[in-house]
């Protein structure tokens, strides 16, 4: 499957995490920026979140998965958490700050609270295929 086969407007990415009292909001924003390409994180009610549209919003995750050989882990998480045209997974917040894509299967695995990544698309199977297979 080629990138040209996918409709950018059919992909929405939401990344969100809690903002602990001990955390610097700018550093937590950086975590989200290192995960979601082209999103603008905002702080609201003890949370930091960002929503963006387009296939390239998933670029950093896609590259990170391939460089760390984590395709199998991501595939399993995407399948477990899928409901219709929505799926989600957790990323380790501390790893994301350093620009590393590291999956957390459970909320408790990330000491400062994980980043929840939610992907919504009417073509979710195609988006998942692109994310996992890595064809340009």
C-alpha atoms as a PDB file:
ATOM      1  CA  UNK A   1       0.000   0.000   0.000  1.00  0.00           C
ATOM      2  CA  UNK A   2       1.371   3.341  -1.001  1.00  0.00           C
ATOM      3  CA  UNK A   3       0.983   6.660   0.769  1.00  0.00           C
ATOM      4  CA  UNK A   4      -0.911   8.045  -2.252  1.00  0.00           C
ATOM      5  CA  UNK A   5      -3.661   5.451  -1.646  1.00  0.00           C
ATOM      6  CA  UNK A   6      -4.491   6.967   1.731  1.00  0.00           C
ATOM      7  CA  UNK A   7      -6.631  10.030   2.297  1.00  0.00           C
ATOM      8  CA  UNK A   8      -4.999  12.472   4.715  1.00  0.00           C
ATOM      9  CA  UNK A   9      -8.319  13.886   5.854  1.00  0.00           C
ATOM     10  CA  UNK A  10      -9.404  10.383   6.906  1.00  0.00           C
ATOM     11  CA  UNK A  11      -6.821  10.238   9.706  1.00  0.00           C
ATOM     12  CA  UNK A  12      -7.093  11.947  13.072  1.00  0.00           C
ATOM     13  CA  UNK A  13      -4.435  11.577  15.739  1.00  0.00           C
ATOM     14  CA  UNK A  14      -4.998  12.537  19.362  1.00  0.00           C
ATOM     15  CA  UNK A  15      -2.184  12.412  21.905  1.00  0.00           C
ATOM     16  CA  UNK A  16      -2.807  13.137  25.568  1.00  0.00           C
ATOM     17  CA  UNK A  17      -1.233  12.714  28.977  1.00  0.00           C
ATOM     18  CA  UNK A  18      -1.635  13.913  32.526  1.00  0.00           C
ATOM     19  CA  UNK A  19       0.466  16.822  33.754  1.00  0.00           C
ATOM     20  CA  UNK A  20       1.822  15.937  37.165  1.00  0.00           C
ATOM     21  CA  UNK A  21       2.426  18.814  39.627  1.00  0.00           C
ATOM     22  CA  UNK A  22       6.160  18.017  39.553  1.00  0.00           C
ATOM     23  CA  UNK A  23       6.382  18.266  35.745  1.00  0.00           C
ATOM     24  CA  UNK A  24       7.298  21.285  33.634  1.00  0.00           C
ATOM     25  CA  UNK A  25       4.438  21.873  31.140  1.00  0.00           C
ATOM     26  CA  UNK A  26       6.911  22.797  28.379  1.00  0.00           C
ATOM     27  CA  UNK A  27       8.780  19.510  28.802  1.00  0.00           C
ATOM     28  CA  UNK A  28       5.538  17.548  28.651  1.00  0.00           C
ATOM     29  CA  UNK A  29       4.572  19.464  25.497  1.00  0.00           C
ATOM     30  CA  UNK A  30       7.931  18.423  24.048  1.00  0.00           C
ATOM     31  CA  UNK A  31       7.031  14.772  24.726  1.00  0.00           C
ATOM     32  CA  UNK A  32       3.903  15.144  22.604  1.00  0.00           C
ATOM     33  CA  UNK A  33       5.765  17.041  19.877  1.00  0.00           C
ATOM     34  CA  UNK A  34       8.251  14.157  19.695  1.00  0.00           C
ATOM     35  CA  UNK A  35       5.366  11.750  19.094  1.00  0.00           C
ATOM     36  CA  UNK A  36       2.868  13.644  16.932  1.00  0.00           C
ATOM     37  CA  UNK A  37       4.240  15.360  13.847  1.00  0.00           C
ATOM     38  CA  UNK A  38       2.653  18.754  13.222  1.00  0.00           C
ATOM     39  CA  UNK A  39       0.421  18.875  16.293  1.00  0.00           C
ATOM     40  CA  UNK A  40       0.215  21.791  18.712  1.00  0.00           C
ATOM     41  CA  UNK A  41      -0.033  20.632  22.337  1.00  0.00           C
ATOM     42  CA  UNK A  42      -2.138  22.629  24.785  1.00  0.00           C
ATOM     43  CA  UNK A  43      -2.379  22.460  28.571  1.00  0.00           C
ATOM     44  CA  UNK A  44      -5.897  22.147  30.007  1.00  0.00           C
ATOM     45  CA  UNK A  45      -7.100  21.039  33.421  1.00  0.00           C
ATOM     46  CA  UNK A  46      -4.009  19.097  34.456  1.00  0.00           C
ATOM     47  CA  UNK A  47      -3.600  17.489  31.042  1.00  0.00           C
ATOM     48  CA  UNK A  48      -1.562  18.125  27.936  1.00  0.00           C
ATOM     49  CA  UNK A  49      -3.180  17.130  24.665  1.00  0.00           C
ATOM     50  CA  UNK A  50      -3.006  17.688  20.946  1.00  0.00           C
ATOM     51  CA  UNK A  51      -5.175  16.667  18.023  1.00  0.00           C
ATOM     52  CA  UNK A  52      -4.159  16.806  14.398  1.00  0.00           C
ATOM     53  CA  UNK A  53      -5.216  15.428  11.053  1.00  0.00           C
ATOM     54  CA  UNK A  54      -3.261  13.846   8.280  1.00  0.00           C
ATOM     55  CA  UNK A  55      -1.203  10.776   7.670  1.00  0.00           C
ATOM     56  CA  UNK A  56       2.073  12.522   8.399  1.00  0.00           C
ATOM     57  CA  UNK A  57       0.961  13.198  11.982  1.00  0.00           C
ATOM     58  CA  UNK A  58       1.894   9.516  12.501  1.00  0.00           C
ATOM     59  CA  UNK A  59       5.346   9.906  10.927  1.00  0.00           C
ATOM     60  CA  UNK A  60       7.429   9.937  14.145  1.00  0.00           C
ATOM     61  CA  UNK A  61       5.628   6.865  15.470  1.00  0.00           C
ATOM     62  CA  UNK A  62       6.097   5.043  12.174  1.00  0.00           C
ATOM     63  CA  UNK A  63       9.817   5.817  12.021  1.00  0.00           C
ATOM     64  CA  UNK A  64      10.303   4.982  15.705  1.00  0.00           C
ATOM     65  CA  UNK A  65       8.572   1.618  15.355  1.00  0.00           C
ATOM     66  CA  UNK A  66      10.736   0.618  12.429  1.00  0.00           C
ATOM     67  CA  UNK A  67      14.008   1.750  14.000  1.00  0.00           C
ATOM     68  CA  UNK A  68      13.325  -0.187  17.216  1.00  0.00           C
ATOM     69  CA  UNK A  69      11.886  -3.305  15.588  1.00  0.00           C
ATOM     70  CA  UNK A  70       8.661  -2.841  17.546  1.00  0.00           C
ATOM     71  CA  UNK A  71       6.250  -3.617  14.718  1.00  0.00           C
ATOM     72  CA  UNK A  72       4.907  -6.768  16.393  1.00  0.00           C
ATOM     73  CA  UNK A  73       4.227  -4.972  19.669  1.00  0.00           C
ATOM     74  CA  UNK A  74       2.407  -2.128  17.923  1.00  0.00           C
ATOM     75  CA  UNK A  75       0.354  -4.559  15.819  1.00  0.00           C
ATOM     76  CA  UNK A  76      -0.797  -6.398  18.956  1.00  0.00           C
ATOM     77  CA  UNK A  77      -1.699  -3.171  20.791  1.00  0.00           C
ATOM     78  CA  UNK A  78      -3.604  -1.779  17.811  1.00  0.00           C
ATOM     79  CA  UNK A  79      -5.624  -5.003  17.531  1.00  0.00           C
ATOM     80  CA  UNK A  80      -6.337  -5.323  21.273  1.00  0.00           C
ATOM     81  CA  UNK A  81      -7.572  -1.756  21.611  1.00  0.00           C
ATOM     82  CA  UNK A  82      -9.537  -1.439  18.389  1.00  0.00           C
ATOM     83  CA  UNK A  83     -13.225  -0.581  18.418  1.00  0.00           C
ATOM     84  CA  UNK A  84     -14.616   0.068  14.942  1.00  0.00           C
ATOM     85  CA  UNK A  85     -12.746   2.940  13.311  1.00  0.00           C
ATOM     86  CA  UNK A  86     -10.778   3.878  16.461  1.00  0.00           C
ATOM     87  CA  UNK A  87      -7.734   2.309  18.096  1.00  0.00           C
ATOM     88  CA  UNK A  88      -5.243   3.442  20.711  1.00  0.00           C
ATOM     89  CA  UNK A  89      -2.044   2.577  22.538  1.00  0.00           C
ATOM     90  CA  UNK A  90       0.198   3.938  25.292  1.00  0.00           C
ATOM     91  CA  UNK A  91       3.708   5.322  24.950  1.00  0.00           C
ATOM     92  CA  UNK A  92       6.221   5.872  27.728  1.00  0.00           C
ATOM     93  CA  UNK A  93       6.327   9.612  28.464  1.00  0.00           C
ATOM     94  CA  UNK A  94       9.956   9.683  29.645  1.00  0.00           C
ATOM     95  CA  UNK A  95      11.153   7.872  26.513  1.00  0.00           C
ATOM     96  CA  UNK A  96       9.115  10.243  24.319  1.00  0.00           C
ATOM     97  CA  UNK A  97      10.889  13.220  25.899  1.00  0.00           C
ATOM     98  CA  UNK A  98      14.125  11.775  24.523  1.00  0.00           C
ATOM     99  CA  UNK A  99      12.571  11.188  21.101  1.00  0.00           C
ATOM    100  CA  UNK A 100      12.229   7.424  21.568  1.00  0.00           C
ATOM    101  CA  UNK A 101       9.020   5.555  20.741  1.00  0.00           C
ATOM    102  CA  UNK A 102       8.588   3.016  23.555  1.00  0.00           C
ATOM    103  CA  UNK A 103       5.278   1.229  24.070  1.00  0.00           C
ATOM    104  CA  UNK A 104       3.602   0.648  27.416  1.00  0.00           C
ATOM    105  CA  UNK A 105       1.068  -2.175  27.434  1.00  0.00           C
ATOM    106  CA  UNK A 106      -0.442  -0.979  30.719  1.00  0.00           C
ATOM    107  CA  UNK A 107      -0.957   2.461  32.231  1.00  0.00           C
ATOM    108  CA  UNK A 108       1.252   1.637  35.228  1.00  0.00           C
ATOM    109  CA  UNK A 109       4.303   0.895  33.071  1.00  0.00           C
ATOM    110  CA  UNK A 110       5.024   4.602  32.640  1.00  0.00           C
ATOM    111  CA  UNK A 111       5.894   6.056  36.084  1.00  0.00           C
ATOM    112  CA  UNK A 112       4.768   9.609  35.237  1.00  0.00           C
ATOM    113  CA  UNK A 113       1.703   8.387  33.382  1.00  0.00           C
ATOM    114  CA  UNK A 114       1.799   7.299  29.751  1.00  0.00           C
ATOM    115  CA  UNK A 115       0.935   9.183  26.609  1.00  0.00           C
ATOM    116  CA  UNK A 116      -2.287   7.837  25.149  1.00  0.00           C
ATOM    117  CA  UNK A 117      -2.253   7.857  21.353  1.00  0.00           C
ATOM    118  CA  UNK A 118      -5.644   7.500  19.651  1.00  0.00           C
ATOM    119  CA  UNK A 119      -5.962   6.986  15.903  1.00  0.00           C
ATOM    120  CA  UNK A 120      -9.318   7.449  14.187  1.00  0.00           C
ATOM    121  CA  UNK A 121      -9.963   6.733  10.517  1.00  0.00           C
ATOM    122  CA  UNK A 122     -12.644   5.422   8.189  1.00  0.00           C
ATOM    123  CA  UNK A 123      -9.788   3.520   6.506  1.00  0.00           C
ATOM    124  CA  UNK A 124      -8.216   2.232   9.727  1.00  0.00           C
ATOM    125  CA  UNK A 125      -7.032  -1.060   8.190  1.00  0.00           C
ATOM    126  CA  UNK A 126      -5.116   0.848   5.514  1.00  0.00           C
ATOM    127  CA  UNK A 127      -3.672   3.294   8.042  1.00  0.00           C
ATOM    128  CA  UNK A 128      -2.499   0.440  10.268  1.00  0.00           C
ATOM    129  CA  UNK A 129      -0.981  -1.301   7.255  1.00  0.00           C
ATOM    130  CA  UNK A 130       0.922   1.836   6.287  1.00  0.00           C
ATOM    131  CA  UNK A 131       2.078   2.375   9.858  1.00  0.00           C
ATOM    132  CA  UNK A 132       3.345  -1.198  10.242  1.00  0.00           C
ATOM    133  CA  UNK A 133       4.651  -2.009   6.770  1.00  0.00           C
ATOM    134  CA  UNK A 134       6.553   1.183   6.190  1.00  0.00           C
ATOM    135  CA  UNK A 135       6.047   1.583   2.453  1.00  0.00           C
ATOM    136  CA  UNK A 136       6.378   5.103   1.094  1.00  0.00           C
END
